[in-house]
PDB file of N, CA and C in Angstrom:
ATOM      1  N   UNK A   1       5.434   5.582   6.097  1.00  0.00           N
ATOM      2  CA  UNK A   1       4.331   4.994   5.494  1.00  0.00           C
ATOM      3  C   UNK A   1       3.874   4.181   6.894  1.00  0.00           C
ATOM      4  N   UNK A   2       2.410   4.212   6.924  1.00  0.00           N
ATOM      5  CA  UNK A   2       1.910   3.544   8.184  1.00  0.00           C
ATOM      6  C   UNK A   2       1.371   2.231   7.588  1.00  0.00           C
ATOM      7  N   UNK A   3       1.577   1.126   8.358  1.00  0.00           N
ATOM      8  CA  UNK A   3       0.904  -0.213   7.826  1.00  0.00           C
ATOM      9  C   UNK A   3      -0.054  -0.946   9.006  1.00  0.00           C
ATOM     10  N   UNK A   4      -0.809  -1.203   8.436  1.00  0.00           N
ATOM     11  CA  UNK A   4      -2.233  -2.239   9.224  1.00  0.00           C
ATOM     12  C   UNK A   4      -2.395  -3.416   9.034  1.00  0.00           C
ATOM     13  N   UNK A   5      -1.531  -4.417   9.457  1.00  0.00           N
ATOM     14  CA  UNK A   5      -1.831  -5.516   8.965  1.00  0.00           C
ATOM     15  C   UNK A   5      -3.002  -6.501   9.897  1.00  0.00           C
ATOM     16  N   UNK A   6      -3.830  -6.972   9.079  1.00  0.00           N
ATOM     17  CA  UNK A   6      -5.061  -7.504   9.446  1.00  0.00           C
ATOM     18  C   UNK A   6      -4.920  -9.010   9.564  1.00  0.00           C
ATOM     19  N   UNK A   7      -5.312  -9.521  11.049  1.00  0.00           N
ATOM     20  CA  UNK A   7      -5.196 -10.732  11.172  1.00  0.00           C
ATOM     21  C   UNK A   7      -6.662 -11.749  11.024  1.00  0.00           C
ATOM     22  N   UNK A   8      -6.637 -11.814   9.908  1.00  0.00           N
ATOM     23  CA  UNK A   8      -8.025 -12.447   9.394  1.00  0.00           C
ATOM     24  C   UNK A   8      -7.685 -13.966   9.016  1.00  0.00           C
ATOM     25  N   UNK A   9      -8.538 -14.881   9.142  1.00  0.00           N
ATOM     26  CA  UNK A   9      -8.932 -16.156   8.325  1.00  0.00           C
ATOM     27  C   UNK A   9      -9.684 -15.735   6.940  1.00  0.00           C
ATOM     28  N   UNK A  10     -10.179 -14.677   6.780  1.00  0.00           N
ATOM     29  CA  UNK A  10     -11.059 -14.701   5.610  1.00  0.00           C
ATOM     30  C   UNK A  10     -10.886 -13.131   5.054  1.00  0.00           C
ATOM     31  N   UNK A  11     -11.469 -12.789   4.177  1.00  0.00           N
ATOM     32  CA  UNK A  11     -11.175 -11.484   3.708  1.00  0.00           C
ATOM     33  C   UNK A  11     -11.698 -10.379   4.671  1.00  0.00           C
ATOM     34  N   UNK A  12     -11.304  -9.133   4.372  1.00  0.00           N
ATOM     35  CA  UNK A  12     -11.340  -7.824   5.129  1.00  0.00           C
ATOM     36  C   UNK A  12     -12.132  -6.700   4.890  1.00  0.00           C
ATOM     37  N   UNK A  13     -13.025  -6.599   5.527  1.00  0.00           N
ATOM     38  CA  UNK A  13     -14.064  -5.411   4.805  1.00  0.00           C
ATOM     39  C   UNK A  13     -13.434  -3.859   5.086  1.00  0.00           C
ATOM     40  N   UNK A  14     -13.076  -3.390   3.894  1.00  0.00           N
ATOM     41  CA  UNK A  14     -12.332  -2.484   3.791  1.00  0.00           C
ATOM     42  C   UNK A  14     -13.022  -1.195   3.516  1.00  0.00           C
ATOM     43  N   UNK A  15     -14.390  -1.054   4.101  1.00  0.00           N
ATOM     44  CA  UNK A  15     -15.097   0.100   3.705  1.00  0.00           C
ATOM     45  C   UNK A  15     -14.701   1.090   4.694  1.00  0.00           C
ATOM     46  N   UNK A  16     -14.629   2.571   4.269  1.00  0.00           N
ATOM     47  CA  UNK A  16     -13.994   3.543   4.879  1.00  0.00           C
ATOM     48  C   UNK A  16     -14.550   3.756   6.416  1.00  0.00           C
ATOM     49  N   UNK A  17     -15.660   3.081   6.766  1.00  0.00           N
ATOM     50  CA  UNK A  17     -15.999   3.252   8.189  1.00  0.00           C
ATOM     51  C   UNK A  17     -14.874   2.436   8.818  1.00  0.00           C
ATOM     52  N   UNK A  18     -14.731   1.068   8.471  1.00  0.00           N
ATOM     53  CA  UNK A  18     -13.661   0.275   9.171  1.00  0.00           C
ATOM     54  C   UNK A  18     -12.196   0.926   9.213  1.00  0.00           C
ATOM     55  N   UNK A  19     -12.049   1.806   8.199  1.00  0.00           N
ATOM     56  CA  UNK A  19     -10.601   2.486   8.298  1.00  0.00           C
ATOM     57  C   UNK A  19     -10.419   3.720   9.528  1.00  0.00           C
ATOM     58  N   UNK A  20     -11.497   4.172  10.147  1.00  0.00           N
ATOM     59  CA  UNK A  20     -11.576   5.327  10.581  1.00  0.00           C
ATOM     60  C   UNK A  20     -10.656   5.302  11.606  1.00  0.00           C
ATOM     61  N   UNK A  21     -10.287   4.444  12.412  1.00  0.00           N
ATOM     62  CA  UNK A  21      -8.836   4.200  13.087  1.00  0.00           C
ATOM     63  C   UNK A  21      -7.800   4.487  12.510  1.00  0.00           C
ATOM     64  N   UNK A  22      -7.370   3.822  11.290  1.00  0.00           N
ATOM     65  CA  UNK A  22      -6.117   4.050  10.641  1.00  0.00           C
ATOM     66  C   UNK A  22      -6.211   5.339  10.284  1.00  0.00           C
ATOM     67  N   UNK A  23      -7.062   6.055   9.848  1.00  0.00           N
ATOM     68  CA  UNK A  23      -7.319   7.435   9.030  1.00  0.00           C
ATOM     69  C   UNK A  23      -6.636   8.113  10.193  1.00  0.00           C
ATOM     70  N   UNK A  24      -7.128   8.350  11.439  1.00  0.00           N
ATOM     71  CA  UNK A  24      -6.975   9.235  12.363  1.00  0.00           C
ATOM     72  C   UNK A  24      -5.689   8.936  12.620  1.00  0.00           C
ATOM     73  N   UNK A  25      -4.907   7.859  13.214  1.00  0.00           N
ATOM     74  CA  UNK A  25      -3.645   7.328  13.386  1.00  0.00           C
ATOM     75  C   UNK A  25      -2.512   7.987  12.145  1.00  0.00           C
ATOM     76  N   UNK A  26      -2.869   7.735  11.207  1.00  0.00           N
ATOM     77  CA  UNK A  26      -2.142   8.174   9.917  1.00  0.00           C
ATOM     78  C   UNK A  26      -2.113   9.605  10.335  1.00  0.00           C
ATOM     79  N   UNK A  27      -3.103  10.219  10.072  1.00  0.00           N
ATOM     80  CA  UNK A  27      -3.236  12.073  10.126  1.00  0.00           C
ATOM     81  C   UNK A  27      -2.100  12.605  11.422  1.00  0.00           C
ATOM     82  N   UNK A  28      -2.299  11.596  12.508  1.00  0.00           N
ATOM     83  CA  UNK A  28      -1.459  12.100  13.815  1.00  0.00           C
ATOM     84  C   UNK A  28      -0.069  11.777  13.282  1.00  0.00           C
ATOM     85  N   UNK A  29       0.450  10.703  12.721  1.00  0.00           N
ATOM     86  CA  UNK A  29       1.500  10.323  12.172  1.00  0.00           C
ATOM     87  C   UNK A  29       2.167  11.459  11.320  1.00  0.00           C
ATOM     88  N   UNK A  30       1.165  11.759  10.374  1.00  0.00           N
ATOM     89  CA  UNK A  30       1.584  12.838   9.562  1.00  0.00           C
ATOM     90  C   UNK A  30       1.798  14.150  10.264  1.00  0.00           C
ATOM     91  N   UNK A  31       1.570  14.558  11.269  1.00  0.00           N
ATOM     92  CA  UNK A  31       1.711  15.613  12.126  1.00  0.00           C
ATOM     93  C   UNK A  31       3.132  15.329  13.016  1.00  0.00           C
ATOM     94  N   UNK A  32       3.158  14.579  13.881  1.00  0.00           N
ATOM     95  CA  UNK A  32       4.220  14.183  14.584  1.00  0.00           C
ATOM     96  C   UNK A  32       5.739  13.946  13.516  1.00  0.00           C
ATOM     97  N   UNK A  33       5.502  13.273  12.314  1.00  0.00           N
ATOM     98  CA  UNK A  33       7.040  13.030  11.875  1.00  0.00           C
ATOM     99  C   UNK A  33       7.106  14.126  10.528  1.00  0.00           C
ATOM    100  N   UNK A  34       6.238  15.433  10.562  1.00  0.00           N
ATOM    101  CA  UNK A  34       6.640  16.559   9.805  1.00  0.00           C
ATOM    102  C   UNK A  34       8.304  17.075   9.748  1.00  0.00           C
ATOM    103  N   UNK A  35       8.680  17.098   8.615  1.00  0.00           N
ATOM    104  CA  UNK A  35      10.203  17.303   8.520  1.00  0.00           C
ATOM    105  C   UNK A  35      10.955  16.629   9.118  1.00  0.00           C
ATOM    106  N   UNK A  36      10.805  15.282   9.006  1.00  0.00           N
ATOM    107  CA  UNK A  36      11.469  14.137   9.557  1.00  0.00           C
ATOM    108  C   UNK A  36      11.460  13.203   8.683  1.00  0.00           C
ATOM    109  N   UNK A  37      10.653  12.220   8.974  1.00  0.00           N
ATOM    110  CA  UNK A  37      10.216  10.885   7.610  1.00  0.00           C
ATOM    111  C   UNK A  37       8.540  11.089   7.443  1.00  0.00           C
ATOM    112  N   UNK A  38       8.682  11.686   6.333  1.00  0.00           N
ATOM    113  CA  UNK A  38       7.197  12.229   5.716  1.00  0.00           C
ATOM    114  C   UNK A  38       6.646  10.639   5.549  1.00  0.00           C
ATOM    115  N   UNK A  39       5.484  10.761   5.971  1.00  0.00           N
ATOM    116  CA  UNK A  39       4.324   9.927   5.894  1.00  0.00           C
ATOM    117  C   UNK A  39       3.745   9.974   4.517  1.00  0.00           C
ATOM    118  N   UNK A  40       3.978   9.000   3.602  1.00  0.00           N
ATOM    119  CA  UNK A  40       3.484   9.393   1.998  1.00  0.00           C
ATOM    120  C   UNK A  40       2.075   8.231   1.908  1.00  0.00           C
ATOM    121  N   UNK A  41       1.587   7.651   2.935  1.00  0.00           N
ATOM    122  CA  UNK A  41       0.404   6.829   2.480  1.00  0.00           C
ATOM    123  C   UNK A  41       0.372   5.710   3.803  1.00  0.00           C
ATOM    124  N   UNK A  42      -0.425   5.148   3.659  1.00  0.00           N
ATOM    125  CA  UNK A  42      -0.886   3.916   4.483  1.00  0.00           C
ATOM    126  C   UNK A  42      -1.079   2.911   3.683  1.00  0.00           C
ATOM    127  N   UNK A  43      -0.903   1.602   4.343  1.00  0.00           N
ATOM    128  CA  UNK A  43      -1.236   0.311   3.913  1.00  0.00           C
ATOM    129  C   UNK A  43      -1.954  -0.464   4.494  1.00  0.00           C
ATOM    130  N   UNK A  44      -2.890  -1.403   4.086  1.00  0.00           N
ATOM    131  CA  UNK A  44      -3.957  -2.417   4.796  1.00  0.00           C
ATOM    132  C   UNK A  44      -3.157  -3.666   4.000  1.00  0.00           C
ATOM    133  N   UNK A  45      -2.952  -4.519   4.936  1.00  0.00           N
ATOM    134  CA  UNK A  45      -2.385  -5.744   4.591  1.00  0.00           C
ATOM    135  C   UNK A  45      -3.307  -6.829   5.027  1.00  0.00           C
ATOM    136  N   UNK A  46      -4.141  -7.670   4.034  1.00  0.00           N
ATOM    137  CA  UNK A  46      -5.032  -8.559   4.632  1.00  0.00           C
ATOM    138  C   UNK A  46      -4.968  -9.721   3.511  1.00  0.00           C
ATOM    139  N   UNK A  47      -5.315 -11.188   4.039  1.00  0.00           N
ATOM    140  CA  UNK A  47      -5.427 -12.194   3.100  1.00  0.00           C
ATOM    141  C   UNK A  47      -6.046 -11.806   2.137  1.00  0.00           C
ATOM    142  N   UNK A  48      -7.285 -11.224   1.907  1.00  0.00           N
ATOM    143  CA  UNK A  48      -7.908 -10.890   0.751  1.00  0.00           C
ATOM    144  C   UNK A  48      -9.078  -9.456   1.188  1.00  0.00           C
ATOM    145  N   UNK A  49      -9.721  -9.068   0.468  1.00  0.00           N
ATOM    146  CA  UNK A  49     -10.427  -7.590   0.740  1.00  0.00           C
ATOM    147  C   UNK A  49     -11.957  -8.057   0.259  1.00  0.00           C
ATOM    148  N   UNK A  50     -12.911  -7.719   0.762  1.00  0.00           N
ATOM    149  CA  UNK A  50     -14.234  -7.928   0.299  1.00  0.00           C
ATOM    150  C   UNK A  50     -14.437  -7.010  -0.914  1.00  0.00           C
ATOM    151  N   UNK A  51     -13.857  -5.713  -1.282  1.00  0.00           N
ATOM    152  CA  UNK A  51     -14.076  -4.681  -1.976  1.00  0.00           C
ATOM    153  C   UNK A  51     -13.326  -5.148  -3.378  1.00  0.00           C
ATOM    154  N   UNK A  52     -13.720  -5.115  -4.552  1.00  0.00           N
ATOM    155  CA  UNK A  52     -13.190  -4.997  -5.685  1.00  0.00           C
ATOM    156  C   UNK A  52     -12.032  -3.922  -6.132  1.00  0.00           C
ATOM    157  N   UNK A  53     -11.361  -4.063  -7.069  1.00  0.00           N
ATOM    158  CA  UNK A  53     -10.099  -3.282  -7.553  1.00  0.00           C
ATOM    159  C   UNK A  53     -10.862  -1.707  -7.512  1.00  0.00           C
ATOM    160  N   UNK A  54     -12.399  -1.641  -8.275  1.00  0.00           N
ATOM    161  CA  UNK A  54     -12.608  -0.226  -8.000  1.00  0.00           C
ATOM    162  C   UNK A  54     -13.206   0.367  -7.029  1.00  0.00           C
ATOM    163  N   UNK A  55     -13.713  -0.381  -6.320  1.00  0.00           N
ATOM    164  CA  UNK A  55     -14.193  -0.063  -5.057  1.00  0.00           C
ATOM    165  C   UNK A  55     -13.388   0.301  -4.238  1.00  0.00           C
ATOM    166  N   UNK A  56     -12.273  -0.469  -4.120  1.00  0.00           N
ATOM    167  CA  UNK A  56     -10.627  -0.328  -3.184  1.00  0.00           C
ATOM    168  C   UNK A  56     -10.004   1.142  -3.516  1.00  0.00           C
ATOM    169  N   UNK A  57     -10.155   1.543  -4.638  1.00  0.00           N
ATOM    170  CA  UNK A  57      -9.925   3.253  -5.209  1.00  0.00           C
ATOM    171  C   UNK A  57     -10.539   3.894  -4.909  1.00  0.00           C
ATOM    172  N   UNK A  58     -11.723   3.829  -4.688  1.00  0.00           N
ATOM    173  CA  UNK A  58     -12.643   4.939  -4.184  1.00  0.00           C
ATOM    174  C   UNK A  58     -12.295   5.027  -2.856  1.00  0.00           C
ATOM    175  N   UNK A  59     -12.585   4.180  -2.045  1.00  0.00           N
ATOM    176  CA  UNK A  59     -12.132   3.772  -0.476  1.00  0.00           C
ATOM    177  C   UNK A  59     -10.705   4.645  -0.384  1.00  0.00           C
ATOM    178  N   UNK A  60      -9.882   4.099  -0.898  1.00  0.00           N
ATOM    179  CA  UNK A  60      -8.605   5.058  -1.057  1.00  0.00           C
ATOM    180  C   UNK A  60      -8.718   6.896  -1.163  1.00  0.00           C
ATOM    181  N   UNK A  61      -9.543   7.115  -2.276  1.00  0.00           N
ATOM    182  CA  UNK A  61     -10.021   8.564  -2.348  1.00  0.00           C
ATOM    183  C   UNK A  61     -10.463   8.978  -1.011  1.00  0.00           C
ATOM    184  N   UNK A  62     -11.609   8.491  -0.572  1.00  0.00           N
ATOM    185  CA  UNK A  62     -12.147   8.899   0.457  1.00  0.00           C
ATOM    186  C   UNK A  62     -11.201   8.863   1.668  1.00  0.00           C
ATOM    187  N   UNK A  63     -10.241   8.020   1.882  1.00  0.00           N
ATOM    188  CA  UNK A  63      -9.288   8.081   2.915  1.00  0.00           C
ATOM    189  C   UNK A  63      -8.224   9.325   2.774  1.00  0.00           C
ATOM    190  N   UNK A  64      -7.798   9.485   1.517  1.00  0.00           N
ATOM    191  CA  UNK A  64      -7.064  10.959   1.232  1.00  0.00           C
ATOM    192  C   UNK A  64      -7.900  11.978   1.715  1.00  0.00           C
ATOM    193  N   UNK A  65      -9.081  11.993   1.472  1.00  0.00           N
ATOM    194  CA  UNK A  65      -9.785  13.360   1.602  1.00  0.00           C
ATOM    195  C   UNK A  65      -9.670  13.340   3.571  1.00  0.00           C
ATOM    196  N   UNK A  66      -9.718  12.408   4.099  1.00  0.00           N
ATOM    197  CA  UNK A  66      -9.866  12.586   5.386  1.00  0.00           C
ATOM    198  C   UNK A  66      -8.054  12.430   5.957  1.00  0.00           C
ATOM    199  N   UNK A  67      -7.272  11.664   5.556  1.00  0.00           N
ATOM    200  CA  UNK A  67      -6.101  11.542   6.096  1.00  0.00           C
ATOM    201  C   UNK A  67      -4.747  12.226   5.555  1.00  0.00           C
ATOM    202  N   UNK A  68      -5.403  12.811   4.129  1.00  0.00           N
ATOM    203  CA  UNK A  68      -4.350  13.580   3.760  1.00  0.00           C
ATOM    204  C   UNK A  68      -3.542  12.756   2.736  1.00  0.00           C
ATOM    205  N   UNK A  69      -3.239  11.647   3.015  1.00  0.00           N
ATOM    206  CA  UNK A  69      -2.298  10.291   2.123  1.00  0.00           C
ATOM    207  C   UNK A  69      -3.407   9.402   1.452  1.00  0.00           C
ATOM    208  N   UNK A  70      -2.930   8.452   0.790  1.00  0.00           N
ATOM    209  CA  UNK A  70      -3.854   7.770   0.136  1.00  0.00           C
ATOM    210  C   UNK A  70      -3.466   6.228   0.893  1.00  0.00           C
ATOM    211  N   UNK A  71      -4.578   5.409   0.910  1.00  0.00           N
ATOM    212  CA  UNK A  71      -4.479   4.250   1.719  1.00  0.00           C
ATOM    213  C   UNK A  71      -4.228   2.938   0.377  1.00  0.00           C
ATOM    214  N   UNK A  72      -2.977   2.250   0.217  1.00  0.00           N
ATOM    215  CA  UNK A  72      -3.365   1.102  -0.505  1.00  0.00           C
ATOM    216  C   UNK A  72      -3.407   0.049   0.349  1.00  0.00           C
ATOM    217  N   UNK A  73      -4.198  -1.176  -0.615  1.00  0.00           N
ATOM    218  CA  UNK A  73      -4.256  -2.261  -0.305  1.00  0.00           C
ATOM    219  C   UNK A  73      -3.480  -3.523  -0.694  1.00  0.00           C
ATOM    220  N   UNK A  74      -3.149  -4.389   0.221  1.00  0.00           N
ATOM    221  CA  UNK A  74      -2.032  -5.368  -0.292  1.00  0.00           C
ATOM    222  C   UNK A  74      -2.413  -6.864   0.007  1.00  0.00           C
ATOM    223  N   UNK A  75      -2.627  -7.783  -0.511  1.00  0.00           N
ATOM    224  CA  UNK A  75      -2.681  -9.130  -0.057  1.00  0.00           C
ATOM    225  C   UNK A  75      -1.614  -9.655  -0.043  1.00  0.00           C
ATOM    226  N   UNK A  76      -1.639 -10.696   1.243  1.00  0.00           N
ATOM    227  CA  UNK A  76      -0.663 -11.264   1.466  1.00  0.00           C
ATOM    228  C   UNK A  76       0.118 -12.126   0.320  1.00  0.00           C
ATOM    229  N   UNK A  77      -0.445 -12.655  -0.354  1.00  0.00           N
ATOM    230  CA  UNK A  77       0.192 -13.298  -1.444  1.00  0.00           C
ATOM    231  C   UNK A  77       0.771 -12.273  -2.282  1.00  0.00           C
ATOM    232  N   UNK A  78       0.662 -11.178  -2.749  1.00  0.00           N
ATOM    233  CA  UNK A  78       1.237 -10.261  -3.289  1.00  0.00           C
ATOM    234  C   UNK A  78       2.448 -10.046  -2.248  1.00  0.00           C
ATOM    235  N   UNK A  79       2.355  -9.541  -0.944  1.00  0.00           N
ATOM    236  CA  UNK A  79       3.399  -9.536  -0.138  1.00  0.00           C
ATOM    237  C   UNK A  79       4.574 -10.549  -0.173  1.00  0.00           C
ATOM    238  N   UNK A  80       4.042 -11.608  -0.128  1.00  0.00           N
ATOM    239  CA  UNK A  80       4.660 -12.999  -0.611  1.00  0.00           C
ATOM    240  C   UNK A  80       5.749 -12.849  -2.018  1.00  0.00           C
ATOM    241  N   UNK A  81       5.043 -12.335  -2.869  1.00  0.00           N
ATOM    242  CA  UNK A  81       5.836 -12.264  -4.234  1.00  0.00           C
ATOM    243  C   UNK A  81       6.776 -10.993  -3.919  1.00  0.00           C
ATOM    244  N   UNK A  82       6.682  -9.997  -3.112  1.00  0.00           N
ATOM    245  CA  UNK A  82       7.545  -8.953  -3.032  1.00  0.00           C
ATOM    246  C   UNK A  82       8.769  -9.689  -2.359  1.00  0.00           C
ATOM    247  N   UNK A  83       8.568 -10.536  -1.124  1.00  0.00           N
ATOM    248  CA  UNK A  83       9.741 -11.055  -0.493  1.00  0.00           C
ATOM    249  C   UNK A  83      10.662 -11.996  -1.321  1.00  0.00           C
ATOM    250  N   UNK A  84       9.762 -12.592  -2.346  1.00  0.00           N
ATOM    251  CA  UNK A  84      10.545 -13.575  -3.108  1.00  0.00           C
ATOM    252  C   UNK A  84      11.374 -13.109  -4.163  1.00  0.00           C
ATOM    253  N   UNK A  85      10.842 -11.857  -4.351  1.00  0.00           N
ATOM    254  CA  UNK A  85      11.139 -11.020  -5.436  1.00  0.00           C
ATOM    255  C   UNK A  85      13.000 -10.458  -5.016  1.00  0.00           C
ATOM    256  N   UNK A  86      12.573 -10.148  -3.772  1.00  0.00           N
ATOM    257  CA  UNK A  86      13.826  -9.147  -3.241  1.00  0.00           C
ATOM    258  C   UNK A  86      14.597 -10.150  -2.758  1.00  0.00           C
ATOM    259  N   UNK A  87      14.366 -11.322  -2.556  1.00  0.00           N
ATOM    260  CA  UNK A  87      14.995 -12.124  -1.751  1.00  0.00           C
ATOM    261  C   UNK A  87      16.196 -12.521  -3.130  1.00  0.00           C
ATOM    262  N   UNK A  88      15.842 -12.846  -4.193  1.00  0.00           N
ATOM    263  CA  UNK A  88      16.824 -12.869  -5.231  1.00  0.00           C
ATOM    264  C   UNK A  88      17.471 -11.674  -5.910  1.00  0.00           C
ATOM    265  N   UNK A  89      16.614 -10.525  -5.649  1.00  0.00           N
ATOM    266  CA  UNK A  89      17.263  -9.429  -6.255  1.00  0.00           C
ATOM    267  C   UNK A  89      17.101  -8.310  -5.030  1.00  0.00           C
ATOM    268  N   UNK A  90      18.082  -8.574  -4.373  1.00  0.00           N
ATOM    269  CA  UNK A  90      17.706  -7.363  -3.191  1.00  0.00           C
ATOM    270  C   UNK A  90      18.117  -5.942  -3.850  1.00  0.00           C
ATOM    271  N   UNK A  91      18.759  -5.554  -4.604  1.00  0.00           N
ATOM    272  CA  UNK A  91      19.292  -4.172  -5.345  1.00  0.00           C
ATOM    273  C   UNK A  91      18.173  -3.590  -5.815  1.00  0.00           C
ATOM    274  N   UNK A  92      17.047  -4.492  -5.986  1.00  0.00           N
ATOM    275  CA  UNK A  92      15.551  -3.558  -6.650  1.00  0.00           C
ATOM    276  C   UNK A  92      15.036  -2.651  -5.407  1.00  0.00           C
ATOM    277  N   UNK A  93      15.325  -3.019  -4.255  1.00  0.00           N
ATOM    278  CA  UNK A  93      14.719  -2.248  -3.162  1.00  0.00           C
ATOM    279  C   UNK A  93      14.766  -0.650  -3.547  1.00  0.00           C
ATOM    280  N   UNK A  94      16.242  -0.234  -3.779  1.00  0.00           N
ATOM    281  CA  UNK A  94      16.697   0.914  -3.931  1.00  0.00           C
ATOM    282  C   UNK A  94      15.812   1.843  -5.086  1.00  0.00           C
ATOM    283  N   UNK A  95      15.532   1.045  -6.293  1.00  0.00           N
ATOM    284  CA  UNK A  95      15.167   1.617  -7.218  1.00  0.00           C
ATOM    285  C   UNK A  95      13.964   1.626  -7.774  1.00  0.00           C
ATOM    286  N   UNK A  96      13.003   0.969  -6.904  1.00  0.00           N
ATOM    287  CA  UNK A  96      11.478   1.094  -7.203  1.00  0.00           C
ATOM    288  C   UNK A  96      10.674   2.346  -7.013  1.00  0.00           C
ATOM    289  N   UNK A  97      10.000   2.793  -7.861  1.00  0.00           N
ATOM    290  CA  UNK A  97       9.327   3.854  -7.539  1.00  0.00           C
ATOM    291  C   UNK A  97       7.812   3.574  -6.489  1.00  0.00           C
ATOM    292  N   UNK A  98       8.338   3.542  -5.042  1.00  0.00           N
ATOM    293  CA  UNK A  98       7.506   3.316  -4.295  1.00  0.00           C
ATOM    294  C   UNK A  98       6.102   3.865  -3.943  1.00  0.00           C
ATOM    295  N   UNK A  99       6.288   5.330  -4.113  1.00  0.00           N
ATOM    296  CA  UNK A  99       5.048   6.028  -3.945  1.00  0.00           C
ATOM    297  C   UNK A  99       4.332   6.021  -5.269  1.00  0.00           C
ATOM    298  N   UNK A 100       4.684   5.547  -6.275  1.00  0.00           N
ATOM    299  CA  UNK A 100       3.738   5.266  -7.086  1.00  0.00           C
ATOM    300  C   UNK A 100       2.828   3.746  -7.119  1.00  0.00           C
ATOM    301  N   UNK A 101       3.928   2.790  -6.606  1.00  0.00           N
ATOM    302  CA  UNK A 101       3.274   1.667  -6.061  1.00  0.00           C
ATOM    303  C   UNK A 101       2.081   1.707  -5.363  1.00  0.00           C
ATOM    304  N   UNK A 102       2.472   2.632  -3.951  1.00  0.00           N
ATOM    305  CA  UNK A 102       1.662   2.711  -2.894  1.00  0.00           C
ATOM    306  C   UNK A 102       0.775   3.986  -2.908  1.00  0.00           C
ATOM    307  N   UNK A 103       0.690   4.609  -4.118  1.00  0.00           N
ATOM    308  CA  UNK A 103      -0.427   5.581  -4.745  1.00  0.00           C
ATOM    309  C   UNK A 103      -1.860   5.441  -4.273  1.00  0.00           C
ATOM    310  N   UNK A 104      -2.180   4.269  -3.807  1.00  0.00           N
ATOM    311  CA  UNK A 104      -3.761   4.213  -3.387  1.00  0.00           C
ATOM    312  C   UNK A 104      -4.485   2.995  -4.513  1.00  0.00           C
ATOM    313  N   UNK A 105      -5.292   2.317  -3.517  1.00  0.00           N
ATOM    314  CA  UNK A 105      -6.087   1.123  -4.337  1.00  0.00           C
ATOM    315  C   UNK A 105      -5.396   0.330  -3.952  1.00  0.00           C
ATOM    316  N   UNK A 106      -5.692  -1.155  -4.732  1.00  0.00           N
ATOM    317  CA  UNK A 106      -5.260  -2.340  -4.795  1.00  0.00           C
ATOM    318  C   UNK A 106      -3.786  -2.487  -5.194  1.00  0.00           C
ATOM    319  N   UNK A 107      -2.979  -2.924  -4.542  1.00  0.00           N
ATOM    320  CA  UNK A 107      -1.540  -3.142  -5.138  1.00  0.00           C
ATOM    321  C   UNK A 107      -1.502  -4.588  -5.696  1.00  0.00           C
ATOM    322  N   UNK A 108      -1.315  -5.021  -7.106  1.00  0.00           N
ATOM    323  CA  UNK A 108      -1.240  -6.363  -7.884  1.00  0.00           C
ATOM    324  C   UNK A 108       0.183  -6.520  -7.877  1.00  0.00           C
ATOM    325  N   UNK A 109       0.323  -7.840  -7.988  1.00  0.00           N
ATOM    326  CA  UNK A 109       1.368  -8.419  -8.464  1.00  0.00           C
ATOM    327  C   UNK A 109       1.887  -7.903  -9.836  1.00  0.00           C
ATOM    328  N   UNK A 110       0.591  -7.985 -10.457  1.00  0.00           N
ATOM    329  CA  UNK A 110       0.920  -7.543 -11.963  1.00  0.00           C
ATOM    330  C   UNK A 110       1.718  -5.825 -11.889  1.00  0.00           C
ATOM    331  N   UNK A 111       1.047  -5.038 -11.142  1.00  0.00           N
ATOM    332  CA  UNK A 111       1.438  -3.630 -10.882  1.00  0.00           C
ATOM    333  C   UNK A 111       3.033  -3.728 -10.447  1.00  0.00           C
ATOM    334  N   UNK A 112       3.404  -4.557  -9.690  1.00  0.00           N
ATOM    335  CA  UNK A 112       4.931  -4.391  -9.056  1.00  0.00           C
ATOM    336  C   UNK A 112       5.452  -5.180  -9.900  1.00  0.00           C
ATOM    337  N   UNK A 113       5.156  -6.240 -10.806  1.00  0.00           N
ATOM    338  CA  UNK A 113       5.965  -6.728 -11.786  1.00  0.00           C
ATOM    339  C   UNK A 113       6.158  -5.780 -13.188  1.00  0.00           C
ATOM    340  N   UNK A 114       5.740  -5.110 -13.050  1.00  0.00           N
ATOM    341  CA  UNK A 114       5.403  -3.988 -14.210  1.00  0.00           C
ATOM    342  C   UNK A 114       6.532  -3.025 -13.848  1.00  0.00           C
ATOM    343  N   UNK A 115       6.455  -2.571 -12.698  1.00  0.00           N
ATOM    344  CA  UNK A 115       7.498  -1.513 -12.131  1.00  0.00           C
ATOM    345  C   UNK A 115       8.833  -2.008 -12.218  1.00  0.00           C
ATOM    346  N   UNK A 116       8.979  -3.430 -11.760  1.00  0.00           N
ATOM    347  CA  UNK A 116      10.075  -4.298 -11.881  1.00  0.00           C
ATOM    348  C   UNK A 116      11.100  -3.948 -12.918  1.00  0.00           C
ATOM    349  N   UNK A 117       9.877  -4.440 -14.360  1.00  0.00           N
ATOM    350  CA  UNK A 117      10.442  -4.386 -15.682  1.00  0.00           C
ATOM    351  C   UNK A 117      11.084  -3.041 -15.890  1.00  0.00           C
ATOM    352  N   UNK A 118      10.167  -1.895 -15.473  1.00  0.00           N
ATOM    353  CA  UNK A 118      10.376  -0.853 -15.998  1.00  0.00           C
ATOM    354  C   UNK A 118      12.013  -0.390 -15.786  1.00  0.00           C
ATOM    355  N   UNK A 119      11.984  -0.816 -14.031  1.00  0.00           N
ATOM    356  CA  UNK A 119      13.181  -0.946 -13.564  1.00  0.00           C
ATOM    357  C   UNK A 119      14.447  -1.340 -14.453  1.00  0.00           C
ATOM    358  N   UNK A 120      14.006  -2.583 -14.654  1.00  0.00           N
ATOM    359  CA  UNK A 120      15.100  -3.359 -15.503  1.00  0.00           C
ATOM    360  C   UNK A 120      15.610  -2.515 -16.848  1.00  0.00           C
ATOM    361  N   UNK A 121      14.458  -2.231 -17.502  1.00  0.00           N
ATOM    362  CA  UNK A 121      14.633  -1.304 -18.873  1.00  0.00           C
ATOM    363  C   UNK A 121      15.843  -0.144 -18.326  1.00  0.00           C
ATOM    364  N   UNK A 122      15.383   0.566 -17.407  1.00  0.00           N
ATOM    365  CA  UNK A 122      16.181   1.934 -17.101  1.00  0.00           C
ATOM    366  C   UNK A 122      17.741   1.596 -17.123  1.00  0.00           C
ATOM    367  N   UNK A 123      17.766   0.246 -16.227  1.00  0.00           N
ATOM    368  CA  UNK A 123      18.858  -0.163 -15.894  1.00  0.00           C
ATOM    369  C   UNK A 123      19.904  -0.601 -16.748  1.00  0.00           C
ATOM    370  N   UNK A 124      19.310  -1.160 -17.495  1.00  0.00           N
ATOM    371  CA  UNK A 124      20.186  -2.047 -18.420  1.00  0.00           C
ATOM    372  C   UNK A 124      19.827  -2.148 -19.878  1.00  0.00           C
TER     373      UNK A 124
END
């Protein structure tokens, strides 16, 4: 996975034109890592995004057509939720369906919690 963390104090404009460099870098990394550590997506981390959830899914589709993999969008508060959860339950990391979570569009706390609940149901 290719990660791009945005250092902004406000929201990030995730228009496809703003992701051109990430798209090119992701495509290059896919080529370099082929057969070794597969790049299955890209992630943009920011405080917030200018676009809504539906618009971010459209951006991800366009990104996929350019880079060959989807881009997911992760807000800092959601990332902090991941860290807090893993701090208390580190064994979760190995069981989560990461490719599903990062399949494109906005990754929300609710989506993460749903996946954790599903994992709990499978394990216990």
